[in-house]
PDB file of N, CA and C in Angstrom:
ATOM      1  N   MET A   1      -0.702  28.848 -35.660  1.00  0.00           N
ATOM      2  CA  MET A   1       0.223  28.657 -34.569  1.00  0.00           C
ATOM      3  C   MET A   1      -0.553  28.092 -33.349  1.00  0.00           C
ATOM      4  N   SER A   2       0.093  27.055 -32.814  1.00  0.00           N
ATOM      5  CA  SER A   2      -0.548  26.448 -31.673  1.00  0.00           C
ATOM      6  C   SER A   2      -0.083  27.143 -30.391  1.00  0.00           C
ATOM      7  N   ARG A   3      -0.878  27.113 -29.456  1.00  0.00           N
ATOM      8  CA  ARG A   3      -0.577  27.779 -28.183  1.00  0.00           C
ATOM      9  C   ARG A   3       0.294  26.905 -27.242  1.00  0.00           C
ATOM     10  N   TYR A   4       0.218  25.583 -27.446  1.00  0.00           N
ATOM     11  CA  TYR A   4       0.965  24.685 -26.551  1.00  0.00           C
ATOM     12  C   TYR A   4       2.073  23.995 -27.414  1.00  0.00           C
ATOM     13  N   THR A   5       3.197  23.867 -26.775  1.00  0.00           N
ATOM     14  CA  THR A   5       4.302  23.238 -27.488  1.00  0.00           C
ATOM     15  C   THR A   5       4.370  21.794 -26.972  1.00  0.00           C
ATOM     16  N   LYS A   6       4.948  20.920 -27.789  1.00  0.00           N
ATOM     17  CA  LYS A   6       5.178  19.539 -27.375  1.00  0.00           C
ATOM     18  C   LYS A   6       6.213  19.408 -26.326  1.00  0.00           C
ATOM     19  N   LYS A   7       7.254  20.260 -26.351  1.00  0.00           N
ATOM     20  CA  LYS A   7       8.333  20.165 -25.380  1.00  0.00           C
ATOM     21  C   LYS A   7       7.919  20.928 -24.097  1.00  0.00           C
ATOM     22  N   GLN A   8       8.041  20.207 -23.009  1.00  0.00           N
ATOM     23  CA  GLN A   8       7.690  20.819 -21.735  1.00  0.00           C
ATOM     24  C   GLN A   8       8.861  21.654 -21.248  1.00  0.00           C
ATOM     25  N   GLN A   9       8.526  22.740 -20.645  1.00  0.00           N
ATOM     26  CA  GLN A   9       9.526  23.564 -19.980  1.00  0.00           C
ATOM     27  C   GLN A   9       9.942  22.879 -18.630  1.00  0.00           C
ATOM     28  N   THR A  10      11.267  22.850 -18.395  1.00  0.00           N
ATOM     29  CA  THR A  10      11.697  22.352 -17.189  1.00  0.00           C
ATOM     30  C   THR A  10      11.582  23.330 -16.049  1.00  0.00           C
ATOM     31  N   SER A  11      11.409  22.809 -14.885  1.00  0.00           N
ATOM     32  CA  SER A  11      11.239  23.733 -13.703  1.00  0.00           C
ATOM     33  C   SER A  11      12.639  24.315 -13.399  1.00  0.00           C
ATOM     34  N   PRO A  12      12.587  25.548 -12.825  1.00  0.00           N
ATOM     35  CA  PRO A  12      13.895  26.170 -12.457  1.00  0.00           C
ATOM     36  C   PRO A  12      14.626  25.390 -11.365  1.00  0.00           C
ATOM     37  N   GLU A  13      13.863  24.644 -10.514  1.00  0.00           N
ATOM     38  CA  GLU A  13      14.481  23.848  -9.462  1.00  0.00           C
ATOM     39  C   GLU A  13      15.279  22.739 -10.033  1.00  0.00           C
ATOM     40  N   THR A  14      14.764  22.103 -11.093  1.00  0.00           N
ATOM     41  CA  THR A  14      15.458  21.038 -11.792  1.00  0.00           C
ATOM     42  C   THR A  14      16.736  21.512 -12.464  1.00  0.00           C
ATOM     43  N   HIS A  15      16.602  22.652 -13.083  1.00  0.00           N
ATOM     44  CA  HIS A  15      17.726  23.288 -13.740  1.00  0.00           C
ATOM     45  C   HIS A  15      18.837  23.628 -12.794  1.00  0.00           C
ATOM     46  N   ASP A  16      18.404  24.255 -11.660  1.00  0.00           N
ATOM     47  CA  ASP A  16      19.403  24.631 -10.679  1.00  0.00           C
ATOM     48  C   ASP A  16      20.104  23.395 -10.057  1.00  0.00           C
ATOM     49  N   GLU A  17      19.352  22.379  -9.855  1.00  0.00           N
ATOM     50  CA  GLU A  17      19.889  21.182  -9.211  1.00  0.00           C
ATOM     51  C   GLU A  17      20.921  20.498 -10.197  1.00  0.00           C
ATOM     52  N   SER A  18      20.494  20.499 -11.455  1.00  0.00           N
ATOM     53  CA  SER A  18      21.423  19.833 -12.455  1.00  0.00           C
ATOM     54  C   SER A  18      22.708  20.673 -12.602  1.00  0.00           C
ATOM     55  N   VAL A  19      22.644  21.996 -12.543  1.00  0.00           N
ATOM     56  CA  VAL A  19      23.840  22.813 -12.574  1.00  0.00           C
ATOM     57  C   VAL A  19      24.685  22.617 -11.394  1.00  0.00           C
ATOM     58  N   LYS A  20      24.110  22.499 -10.199  1.00  0.00           N
ATOM     59  CA  LYS A  20      24.875  22.273  -8.991  1.00  0.00           C
ATOM     60  C   LYS A  20      25.555  20.931  -9.022  1.00  0.00           C
ATOM     61  N   LEU A  21      24.907  19.910  -9.517  1.00  0.00           N
ATOM     62  CA  LEU A  21      25.525  18.579  -9.652  1.00  0.00           C
ATOM     63  C   LEU A  21      26.654  18.590 -10.670  1.00  0.00           C
ATOM     64  N   ALA A  22      26.475  19.314 -11.753  1.00  0.00           N
ATOM     65  CA  ALA A  22      27.492  19.388 -12.780  1.00  0.00           C
ATOM     66  C   ALA A  22      28.695  20.074 -12.258  1.00  0.00           C
ATOM     67  N   LYS A  23      28.523  21.107 -11.510  1.00  0.00           N
ATOM     68  CA  LYS A  23      29.630  21.848 -10.963  1.00  0.00           C
ATOM     69  C   LYS A  23      30.340  21.049  -9.820  1.00  0.00           C
ATOM     70  N   ALA A  24      29.563  20.229  -9.171  1.00  0.00           N
ATOM     71  CA  ALA A  24      30.202  19.419  -8.049  1.00  0.00           C
ATOM     72  C   ALA A  24      31.078  18.352  -8.635  1.00  0.00           C
ATOM     73  N   ILE A  25      30.736  17.805  -9.835  1.00  0.00           N
ATOM     74  CA  ILE A  25      31.592  16.694 -10.414  1.00  0.00           C
ATOM     75  C   ILE A  25      32.481  17.250 -11.500  1.00  0.00           C
ATOM     76  N   GLN A  26      32.697  18.599 -11.540  1.00  0.00           N
ATOM     77  CA  GLN A  26      33.500  19.141 -12.570  1.00  0.00           C
ATOM     78  C   GLN A  26      35.008  18.792 -12.328  1.00  0.00           C
ATOM     79  N   ARG A  27      35.639  18.429 -13.425  1.00  0.00           N
ATOM     80  CA  ARG A  27      37.098  18.067 -13.447  1.00  0.00           C
ATOM     81  C   ARG A  27      37.925  19.293 -13.660  1.00  0.00           C
ATOM     82  N   PRO A  28      39.143  19.233 -13.188  1.00  0.00           N
ATOM     83  CA  PRO A  28      40.039  20.341 -13.476  1.00  0.00           C
ATOM     84  C   PRO A  28      40.323  20.451 -14.983  1.00  0.00           C
ATOM     85  N   GLY A  29      40.299  21.654 -15.494  1.00  0.00           N
ATOM     86  CA  GLY A  29      40.569  21.818 -16.932  1.00  0.00           C
ATOM     87  C   GLY A  29      39.310  21.641 -17.814  1.00  0.00           C
ATOM     88  N   GLN A  30      38.180  21.474 -17.170  1.00  0.00           N
ATOM     89  CA  GLN A  30      36.966  21.222 -17.986  1.00  0.00           C
ATOM     90  C   GLN A  30      36.387  22.620 -18.343  1.00  0.00           C
ATOM     91  N   THR A  31      35.950  22.752 -19.617  1.00  0.00           N
ATOM     92  CA  THR A  31      35.466  24.063 -20.084  1.00  0.00           C
ATOM     93  C   THR A  31      33.958  24.238 -19.583  1.00  0.00           C
ATOM     94  N   LYS A  32      33.528  25.472 -19.688  1.00  0.00           N
ATOM     95  CA  LYS A  32      32.183  25.806 -19.293  1.00  0.00           C
ATOM     96  C   LYS A  32      31.186  25.103 -20.247  1.00  0.00           C
ATOM     97  N   GLU A  33      31.511  24.953 -21.477  1.00  0.00           N
ATOM     98  CA  GLU A  33      30.623  24.303 -22.448  1.00  0.00           C
ATOM     99  C   GLU A  33      30.432  22.816 -22.069  1.00  0.00           C
ATOM    100  N   GLN A  34      31.540  22.172 -21.686  1.00  0.00           N
ATOM    101  CA  GLN A  34      31.452  20.817 -21.270  1.00  0.00           C
ATOM    102  C   GLN A  34      30.622  20.690 -19.979  1.00  0.00           C
ATOM    103  N   THR A  35      30.786  21.579 -19.054  1.00  0.00           N
ATOM    104  CA  THR A  35      29.975  21.507 -17.843  1.00  0.00           C
ATOM    105  C   THR A  35      28.532  21.768 -18.157  1.00  0.00           C
ATOM    106  N   LYS A  36      28.306  22.695 -19.090  1.00  0.00           N
ATOM    107  CA  LYS A  36      26.923  22.960 -19.480  1.00  0.00           C
ATOM    108  C   LYS A  36      26.261  21.744 -20.142  1.00  0.00           C
ATOM    109  N   LEU A  37      27.031  21.011 -20.958  1.00  0.00           N
ATOM    110  CA  LEU A  37      26.494  19.740 -21.585  1.00  0.00           C
ATOM    111  C   LEU A  37      26.226  18.678 -20.508  1.00  0.00           C
ATOM    112  N   ILE A  38      27.117  18.584 -19.517  1.00  0.00           N
ATOM    113  CA  ILE A  38      26.925  17.650 -18.479  1.00  0.00           C
ATOM    114  C   ILE A  38      25.635  18.013 -17.633  1.00  0.00           C
ATOM    115  N   ALA A  39      25.443  19.337 -17.429  1.00  0.00           N
ATOM    116  CA  ALA A  39      24.250  19.777 -16.700  1.00  0.00           C
ATOM    117  C   ALA A  39      22.992  19.450 -17.515  1.00  0.00           C
ATOM    118  N   GLN A  40      23.066  19.603 -18.827  1.00  0.00           N
ATOM    119  CA  GLN A  40      21.893  19.282 -19.642  1.00  0.00           C
ATOM    120  C   GLN A  40      21.579  17.771 -19.586  1.00  0.00           C
ATOM    121  N   GLY A  41      22.614  16.933 -19.555  1.00  0.00           N
ATOM    122  CA  GLY A  41      22.392  15.506 -19.442  1.00  0.00           C
ATOM    123  C   GLY A  41      21.792  15.114 -18.128  1.00  0.00           C
ATOM    124  N   ILE A  42      22.284  15.771 -17.038  1.00  0.00           N
ATOM    125  CA  ILE A  42      21.769  15.487 -15.726  1.00  0.00           C
ATOM    126  C   ILE A  42      20.251  15.941 -15.686  1.00  0.00           C
ATOM    127  N   GLN A  43      20.034  17.062 -16.305  1.00  0.00           N
ATOM    128  CA  GLN A  43      18.591  17.590 -16.269  1.00  0.00           C
ATOM    129  C   GLN A  43      17.713  16.656 -17.037  1.00  0.00           C
ATOM    130  N   LYS A  44      18.166  16.105 -18.179  1.00  0.00           N
ATOM    131  CA  LYS A  44      17.335  15.160 -18.940  1.00  0.00           C
ATOM    132  C   LYS A  44      17.122  13.913 -18.065  1.00  0.00           C
ATOM    133  N   GLY A  45      18.104  13.432 -17.364  1.00  0.00           N
ATOM    134  CA  GLY A  45      17.987  12.303 -16.474  1.00  0.00           C
ATOM    135  C   GLY A  45      16.990  12.527 -15.379  1.00  0.00           C
ATOM    136  N   ILE A  46      17.005  13.682 -14.780  1.00  0.00           N
ATOM    137  CA  ILE A  46      16.063  14.072 -13.749  1.00  0.00           C
ATOM    138  C   ILE A  46      14.628  14.098 -14.346  1.00  0.00           C
ATOM    139  N   GLU A  47      14.475  14.703 -15.464  1.00  0.00           N
ATOM    140  CA  GLU A  47      13.173  14.772 -16.166  1.00  0.00           C
ATOM    141  C   GLU A  47      12.626  13.370 -16.447  1.00  0.00           C
ATOM    142  N   LEU A  48      13.510  12.580 -16.938  1.00  0.00           N
ATOM    143  CA  LEU A  48      13.110  11.116 -17.303  1.00  0.00           C
ATOM    144  C   LEU A  48      12.659  10.414 -16.017  1.00  0.00           C
ATOM    145  N   TYR A  49      13.414  10.618 -14.974  1.00  0.00           N
ATOM    146  CA  TYR A  49      13.085   9.934 -13.679  1.00  0.00           C
ATOM    147  C   TYR A  49      11.668  10.423 -13.217  1.00  0.00           C
ATOM    148  N   LYS A  50      11.486  11.785 -13.207  1.00  0.00           N
ATOM    149  CA  LYS A  50      10.216  12.288 -12.757  1.00  0.00           C
ATOM    150  C   LYS A  50       9.061  11.772 -13.646  1.00  0.00           C
ATOM    151  N   LYS A  51       9.265  11.665 -14.936  1.00  0.00           N
ATOM    152  CA  LYS A  51       8.265  11.198 -15.860  1.00  0.00           C
ATOM    153  C   LYS A  51       7.933   9.736 -15.510  1.00  0.00           C
ATOM    154  N   GLN A  52       8.924   8.924 -15.300  1.00  0.00           N
ATOM    155  CA  GLN A  52       8.688   7.565 -14.894  1.00  0.00           C
ATOM    156  C   GLN A  52       7.909   7.408 -13.625  1.00  0.00           C
ATOM    157  N   GLN A  53       8.240   8.211 -12.663  1.00  0.00           N
ATOM    158  CA  GLN A  53       7.548   8.188 -11.388  1.00  0.00           C
ATOM    159  C   GLN A  53       6.103   8.592 -11.544  1.00  0.00           C
ATOM    160  N   LYS A  54       5.842   9.604 -12.430  1.00  0.00           N
ATOM    161  CA  LYS A  54       4.451  10.004 -12.656  1.00  0.00           C
ATOM    162  C   LYS A  54       3.665   8.859 -13.289  1.00  0.00           C
ATOM    163  N   GLU A  55       4.330   8.179 -14.253  1.00  0.00           N
ATOM    164  CA  GLU A  55       3.612   7.029 -14.897  1.00  0.00           C
ATOM    165  C   GLU A  55       3.352   5.948 -13.936  1.00  0.00           C
ATOM    166  N   ARG A  56       4.334   5.640 -13.054  1.00  0.00           N
ATOM    167  CA  ARG A  56       4.105   4.586 -12.095  1.00  0.00           C
ATOM    168  C   ARG A  56       2.987   4.939 -11.082  1.00  0.00           C
ATOM    169  N   SER A  57       2.979   6.250 -10.664  1.00  0.00           N
ATOM    170  CA  SER A  57       1.949   6.648  -9.762  1.00  0.00           C
ATOM    171  C   SER A  57       0.563   6.556 -10.411  1.00  0.00           C
ATOM    172  N   ARG A  58       0.450   6.922 -11.671  1.00  0.00           N
ATOM    173  CA  ARG A  58      -0.793   6.851 -12.401  1.00  0.00           C
ATOM    174  C   ARG A  58      -1.262   5.392 -12.506  1.00  0.00           C
ATOM    175  N   GLU A  59      -0.316   4.456 -12.835  1.00  0.00           N
ATOM    176  CA  GLU A  59      -0.681   3.062 -12.880  1.00  0.00           C
ATOM    177  C   GLU A  59      -1.134   2.496 -11.564  1.00  0.00           C
ATOM    178  N   LEU A  60      -0.412   2.880 -10.500  1.00  0.00           N
ATOM    179  CA  LEU A  60      -0.820   2.458  -9.131  1.00  0.00           C
ATOM    180  C   LEU A  60      -2.165   3.014  -8.785  1.00  0.00           C
ATOM    181  N   SER A  61      -2.455   4.259  -9.116  1.00  0.00           N
ATOM    182  CA  SER A  61      -3.782   4.766  -8.736  1.00  0.00           C
ATOM    183  C   SER A  61      -4.855   4.052  -9.558  1.00  0.00           C
ATOM    184  N   LYS A  62      -4.598   3.746 -10.810  1.00  0.00           N
ATOM    185  CA  LYS A  62      -5.591   3.000 -11.631  1.00  0.00           C
ATOM    186  C   LYS A  62      -5.860   1.629 -10.989  1.00  0.00           C
ATOM    187  N   LYS A  63      -4.736   0.936 -10.589  1.00  0.00           N
ATOM    188  CA  LYS A  63      -4.913  -0.385  -9.992  1.00  0.00           C
ATOM    189  C   LYS A  63      -5.663  -0.253  -8.662  1.00  0.00           C
ATOM    190  N   LEU A  64      -5.364   0.774  -7.887  1.00  0.00           N
ATOM    191  CA  LEU A  64      -6.004   0.981  -6.643  1.00  0.00           C
ATOM    192  C   LEU A  64      -7.530   1.242  -6.832  1.00  0.00           C
ATOM    193  N   LYS A  65      -7.868   2.020  -7.851  1.00  0.00           N
ATOM    194  CA  LYS A  65      -9.285   2.222  -8.144  1.00  0.00           C
ATOM    195  C   LYS A  65     -10.022   0.924  -8.524  1.00  0.00           C
ATOM    196  N   ARG A  66      -9.285   0.106  -9.327  1.00  0.00           N
ATOM    197  CA  ARG A  66      -9.922  -1.162  -9.705  1.00  0.00           C
ATOM    198  C   ARG A  66     -10.131  -2.037  -8.526  1.00  0.00           C
ATOM    199  N   VAL A  67      -9.122  -2.140  -7.644  1.00  0.00           N
ATOM    200  CA  VAL A  67      -9.242  -3.027  -6.521  1.00  0.00           C
ATOM    201  C   VAL A  67     -10.303  -2.464  -5.520  1.00  0.00           C
ATOM    202  N   THR A  68     -10.386  -1.241  -5.241  1.00  0.00           N
ATOM    203  CA  THR A  68     -11.352  -0.685  -4.394  1.00  0.00           C
ATOM    204  C   THR A  68     -12.752  -0.900  -4.972  1.00  0.00           C
ATOM    205  N   GLY A  69     -12.865  -0.764  -6.268  1.00  0.00           N
ATOM    206  CA  GLY A  69     -14.178  -0.999  -6.914  1.00  0.00           C
ATOM    207  C   GLY A  69     -14.609  -2.452  -6.724  1.00  0.00           C
ATOM    208  N   LYS A  70     -13.648  -3.403  -6.898  1.00  0.00           N
ATOM    209  CA  LYS A  70     -13.961  -4.803  -6.695  1.00  0.00           C
ATOM    210  C   LYS A  70     -14.296  -5.092  -5.236  1.00  0.00           C
ATOM    211  N   LEU A  71     -13.582  -4.464  -4.304  1.00  0.00           N
ATOM    212  CA  LEU A  71     -13.886  -4.659  -2.934  1.00  0.00           C
ATOM    213  C   LEU A  71     -15.267  -4.142  -2.556  1.00  0.00           C
ATOM    214  N   ASN A  72     -15.633  -3.031  -3.127  1.00  0.00           N
ATOM    215  CA  ASN A  72     -16.956  -2.474  -2.839  1.00  0.00           C
ATOM    216  C   ASN A  72     -18.048  -3.370  -3.372  1.00  0.00           C
ATOM    217  N   GLN A  73     -17.781  -4.013  -4.521  1.00  0.00           N
ATOM    218  CA  GLN A  73     -18.732  -4.964  -5.045  1.00  0.00           C
ATOM    219  C   GLN A  73     -18.868  -6.200  -4.163  1.00  0.00           C
ATOM    220  N   LEU A  74     -17.729  -6.693  -3.712  1.00  0.00           N
ATOM    221  CA  LEU A  74     -17.655  -7.856  -2.788  1.00  0.00           C
ATOM    222  C   LEU A  74     -18.410  -7.570  -1.455  1.00  0.00           C
ATOM    223  N   ASP A  75     -18.181  -6.285  -0.913  1.00  0.00           N
ATOM    224  CA  ASP A  75     -18.803  -5.909   0.338  1.00  0.00           C
ATOM    225  C   ASP A  75     -20.351  -5.896   0.143  1.00  0.00           C
ATOM    226  N   GLU A  76     -20.776  -5.349  -0.986  1.00  0.00           N
ATOM    227  CA  GLU A  76     -22.208  -5.247  -1.187  1.00  0.00           C
ATOM    228  C   GLU A  76     -22.868  -6.678  -1.314  1.00  0.00           C
ATOM    229  N   SER A  77     -22.147  -7.611  -2.005  1.00  0.00           N
ATOM    230  CA  SER A  77     -22.673  -8.953  -2.174  1.00  0.00           C
ATOM    231  C   SER A  77     -22.698  -9.680  -0.878  1.00  0.00           C
ATOM    232  N   THR A  78     -21.670  -9.500  -0.026  1.00  0.00           N
ATOM    233  CA  THR A  78     -21.625 -10.243   1.239  1.00  0.00           C
ATOM    234  C   THR A  78     -22.673  -9.660   2.205  1.00  0.00           C
ATOM    235  N   GLU A  79     -22.956  -8.386   2.081  1.00  0.00           N
ATOM    236  CA  GLU A  79     -23.968  -7.802   2.973  1.00  0.00           C
ATOM    237  C   GLU A  79     -25.339  -8.418   2.648  1.00  0.00           C
ATOM    238  N   HIS A  80     -25.609  -8.601   1.378  1.00  0.00           N
ATOM    239  CA  HIS A  80     -26.872  -9.243   0.975  1.00  0.00           C
ATOM    240  C   HIS A  80     -26.931 -10.714   1.479  1.00  0.00           C
ATOM    241  N   ASP A  81     -25.815 -11.377   1.373  1.00  0.00           N
ATOM    242  CA  ASP A  81     -25.772 -12.806   1.814  1.00  0.00           C
ATOM    243  C   ASP A  81     -25.917 -12.877   3.293  1.00  0.00           C
ATOM    244  N   GLN A  82     -25.346 -11.999   4.074  1.00  0.00           N
ATOM    245  CA  GLN A  82     -25.486 -12.000   5.510  1.00  0.00           C
ATOM    246  C   GLN A  82     -26.851 -11.662   5.990  1.00  0.00           C
ATOM    247  N   GLN A  83     -27.543 -10.791   5.277  1.00  0.00           N
ATOM    248  CA  GLN A  83     -28.898 -10.451   5.699  1.00  0.00           C
ATOM    249  C   GLN A  83     -29.845 -11.650   5.431  1.00  0.00           C
ATOM    250  N   GLU A  84     -29.628 -12.440   4.431  1.00  0.00           N
ATOM    251  CA  GLU A  84     -30.481 -13.559   4.089  1.00  0.00           C
ATOM    252  C   GLU A  84     -30.301 -14.738   5.026  1.00  0.00           C
ATOM    253  N   MET A  85     -29.115 -14.875   5.544  1.00  0.00           N
ATOM    254  CA  MET A  85     -28.870 -16.019   6.450  1.00  0.00           C
ATOM    255  C   MET A  85     -29.451 -15.794   7.837  1.00  0.00           C
ATOM    256  N   GLU A  86     -30.034 -16.861   8.397  1.00  0.00           N
ATOM    257  CA  GLU A  86     -30.552 -16.813   9.744  1.00  0.00           C
ATOM    258  C   GLU A  86     -29.565 -17.458  10.667  1.00  0.00           C
ATOM    259  N   ILE A  87     -29.343 -16.863  11.832  1.00  0.00           N
ATOM    260  CA  ILE A  87     -28.378 -17.431  12.783  1.00  0.00           C
ATOM    261  C   ILE A  87     -29.150 -18.256  13.781  1.00  0.00           C
ATOM    262  N   ILE A  88     -28.856 -19.570  13.859  1.00  0.00           N
ATOM    263  CA  ILE A  88     -29.513 -20.440  14.812  1.00  0.00           C
ATOM    264  C   ILE A  88     -28.497 -20.951  15.810  1.00  0.00           C
ATOM    265  N   TYR A  89     -28.709 -20.695  17.079  1.00  0.00           N
ATOM    266  CA  TYR A  89     -27.834 -21.125  18.122  1.00  0.00           C
ATOM    267  C   TYR A  89     -28.413 -22.418  18.704  1.00  0.00           C
ATOM    268  N   ARG A  90     -27.574 -23.377  18.840  1.00  0.00           N
ATOM    269  CA  ARG A  90     -28.025 -24.649  19.386  1.00  0.00           C
ATOM    270  C   ARG A  90     -27.024 -25.023  20.451  1.00  0.00           C
ATOM    271  N   GLN A  91     -27.522 -25.248  21.661  1.00  0.00           N
ATOM    272  CA  GLN A  91     -26.610 -25.578  22.758  1.00  0.00           C
ATOM    273  C   GLN A  91     -26.398 -27.090  22.794  1.00  0.00           C
ATOM    274  N   SER A  92     -25.160 -27.381  23.152  1.00  0.00           N
ATOM    275  CA  SER A  92     -24.809 -28.786  23.265  1.00  0.00           C
ATOM    276  C   SER A  92     -25.056 -29.291  24.727  1.00  0.00           C
ATOM    277  N   TYR A  93     -25.820 -30.399  24.858  1.00  0.00           N
ATOM    278  CA  TYR A  93     -26.116 -30.952  26.182  1.00  0.00           C
ATOM    279  C   TYR A  93     -24.877 -31.725  26.668  1.00  0.00           C
ATOM    280  N   LEU A  94     -23.965 -32.080  25.792  1.00  0.00           N
ATOM    281  CA  LEU A  94     -22.814 -32.822  26.209  1.00  0.00           C
ATOM    282  C   LEU A  94     -21.940 -31.993  27.131  1.00  0.00           C
ATOM    283  N   ALA A  95     -21.751 -30.734  26.839  1.00  0.00           N
ATOM    284  CA  ALA A  95     -20.940 -29.892  27.657  1.00  0.00           C
ATOM    285  C   ALA A  95     -21.544 -29.782  29.112  1.00  0.00           C
ATOM    286  N   TRP A  96     -22.844 -29.654  29.205  1.00  0.00           N
ATOM    287  CA  TRP A  96     -23.506 -29.541  30.538  1.00  0.00           C
ATOM    288  C   TRP A  96     -23.346 -30.866  31.303  1.00  0.00           C
ATOM    289  N   ILE A  97     -23.509 -31.958  30.633  1.00  0.00           N
ATOM    290  CA  ILE A  97     -23.397 -33.274  31.265  1.00  0.00           C
ATOM    291  C   ILE A  97     -21.944 -33.491  31.783  1.00  0.00           C
ATOM    292  N   LEU A  98     -20.969 -33.150  31.028  1.00  0.00           N
ATOM    293  CA  LEU A  98     -19.607 -33.254  31.419  1.00  0.00           C
ATOM    294  C   LEU A  98     -19.280 -32.327  32.668  1.00  0.00           C
ATOM    295  N   LEU A  99     -19.815 -31.162  32.625  1.00  0.00           N
ATOM    296  CA  LEU A  99     -19.676 -30.235  33.764  1.00  0.00           C
ATOM    297  C   LEU A  99     -20.229 -30.831  35.029  1.00  0.00           C
ATOM    298  N   LEU A 100     -21.450 -31.358  34.999  1.00  0.00           N
ATOM    299  CA  LEU A 100     -22.074 -31.897  36.150  1.00  0.00           C
ATOM    300  C   LEU A 100     -21.350 -33.141  36.643  1.00  0.00           C
ATOM    301  N   LEU A 101     -20.840 -33.955  35.768  1.00  0.00           N
ATOM    302  CA  LEU A 101     -20.086 -35.179  36.147  1.00  0.00           C
ATOM    303  C   LEU A 101     -18.789 -34.761  36.800  1.00  0.00           C
ATOM    304  N   SER A 102     -18.132 -33.759  36.333  1.00  0.00           N
ATOM    305  CA  SER A 102     -16.804 -33.409  36.888  1.00  0.00           C
ATOM    306  C   SER A 102     -17.038 -32.829  38.357  1.00  0.00           C
ATOM    307  N   TRP A 103     -18.111 -31.963  38.461  1.00  0.00           N
ATOM    308  CA  TRP A 103     -18.385 -31.426  39.821  1.00  0.00           C
ATOM    309  C   TRP A 103     -18.797 -32.597  40.765  1.00  0.00           C
ATOM    310  N   GLY A 104     -19.562 -33.531  40.327  1.00  0.00           N
ATOM    311  CA  GLY A 104     -19.912 -34.698  41.096  1.00  0.00           C
ATOM    312  C   GLY A 104     -18.665 -35.485  41.448  1.00  0.00           C
ATOM    313  N   GLY A 105     -17.759 -35.626  40.534  1.00  0.00           N
ATOM    314  CA  GLY A 105     -16.537 -36.413  40.826  1.00  0.00           C
ATOM    315  C   GLY A 105     -15.719 -35.674  41.886  1.00  0.00           C
ATOM    316  N   PHE A 106     -15.562 -34.351  41.816  1.00  0.00           N
ATOM    317  CA  PHE A 106     -14.808 -33.553  42.787  1.00  0.00           C
ATOM    318  C   PHE A 106     -15.491 -33.732  44.203  1.00  0.00           C
ATOM    319  N   ALA A 107     -16.829 -33.585  44.146  1.00  0.00           N
ATOM    320  CA  ALA A 107     -17.534 -33.720  45.476  1.00  0.00           C
ATOM    321  C   ALA A 107     -17.331 -35.112  46.085  1.00  0.00           C
ATOM    322  N   ALA A 108     -17.402 -36.167  45.267  1.00  0.00           N
ATOM    323  CA  ALA A 108     -17.219 -37.505  45.752  1.00  0.00           C
ATOM    324  C   ALA A 108     -15.815 -37.721  46.270  1.00  0.00           C
ATOM    325  N   TYR A 109     -14.868 -37.158  45.628  1.00  0.00           N
ATOM    326  CA  TYR A 109     -13.414 -37.298  46.075  1.00  0.00           C
ATOM    327  C   TYR A 109     -13.235 -36.682  47.443  1.00  0.00           C
ATOM    328  N   PHE A 110     -13.829 -35.569  47.694  1.00  0.00           N
ATOM    329  CA  PHE A 110     -13.629 -34.894  49.025  1.00  0.00           C
ATOM    330  C   PHE A 110     -14.521 -35.498  50.126  1.00  0.00           C
ATOM    331  N   ILE A 111     -15.675 -36.031  49.743  1.00  0.00           N
ATOM    332  CA  ILE A 111     -16.606 -36.590  50.766  1.00  0.00           C
ATOM    333  C   ILE A 111     -16.248 -38.033  51.080  1.00  0.00           C
ATOM    334  N   LEU A 112     -15.967 -38.905  50.154  1.00  0.00           N
ATOM    335  CA  LEU A 112     -15.770 -40.333  50.418  1.00  0.00           C
ATOM    336  C   LEU A 112     -14.463 -40.584  51.272  1.00  0.00           C
ATOM    337  N   PRO A 113     -13.374 -39.960  51.162  1.00  0.00           N
ATOM    338  CA  PRO A 113     -12.276 -40.322  52.014  1.00  0.00           C
ATOM    339  C   PRO A 113     -12.508 -39.897  53.463  1.00  0.00           C
ATOM    340  N   GLN A 114     -13.385 -38.968  53.717  1.00  0.00           N
ATOM    341  CA  GLN A 114     -13.696 -38.580  55.109  1.00  0.00           C
ATOM    342  C   GLN A 114     -14.601 -39.593  55.828  1.00  0.00           C
ATOM    343  N   ILE A 115     -15.277 -40.440  55.126  1.00  0.00           N
ATOM    344  CA  ILE A 115     -16.214 -41.407  55.748  1.00  0.00           C
ATOM    345  C   ILE A 115     -15.525 -42.532  56.332  1.00  0.00           C
TER     346      ILE A 115
END
């Protein structure tokens, strides 16, 4: 005799919820057996929905682990690349020349008309 059964026991909350839904949609003249069958169908639907959601969450967590693993590998490789590169700053003389010419032009504009 095995200790575990293949069929999972449903939670009491799921059972109560399915009975409440079955009673809420009960038609006049419907027997208790029919309501019970409807409740069982609703319960199976709820169980199937929960099962699908668990599978989806497992798949998403697997994908998330794969992606985070790949991101970690990329981060490690970029850190090595950044450490190997040397940063060389080179100033452009063109910017300084243009700045001096513009200031000279402004000064000439204000000084020459006064002469």
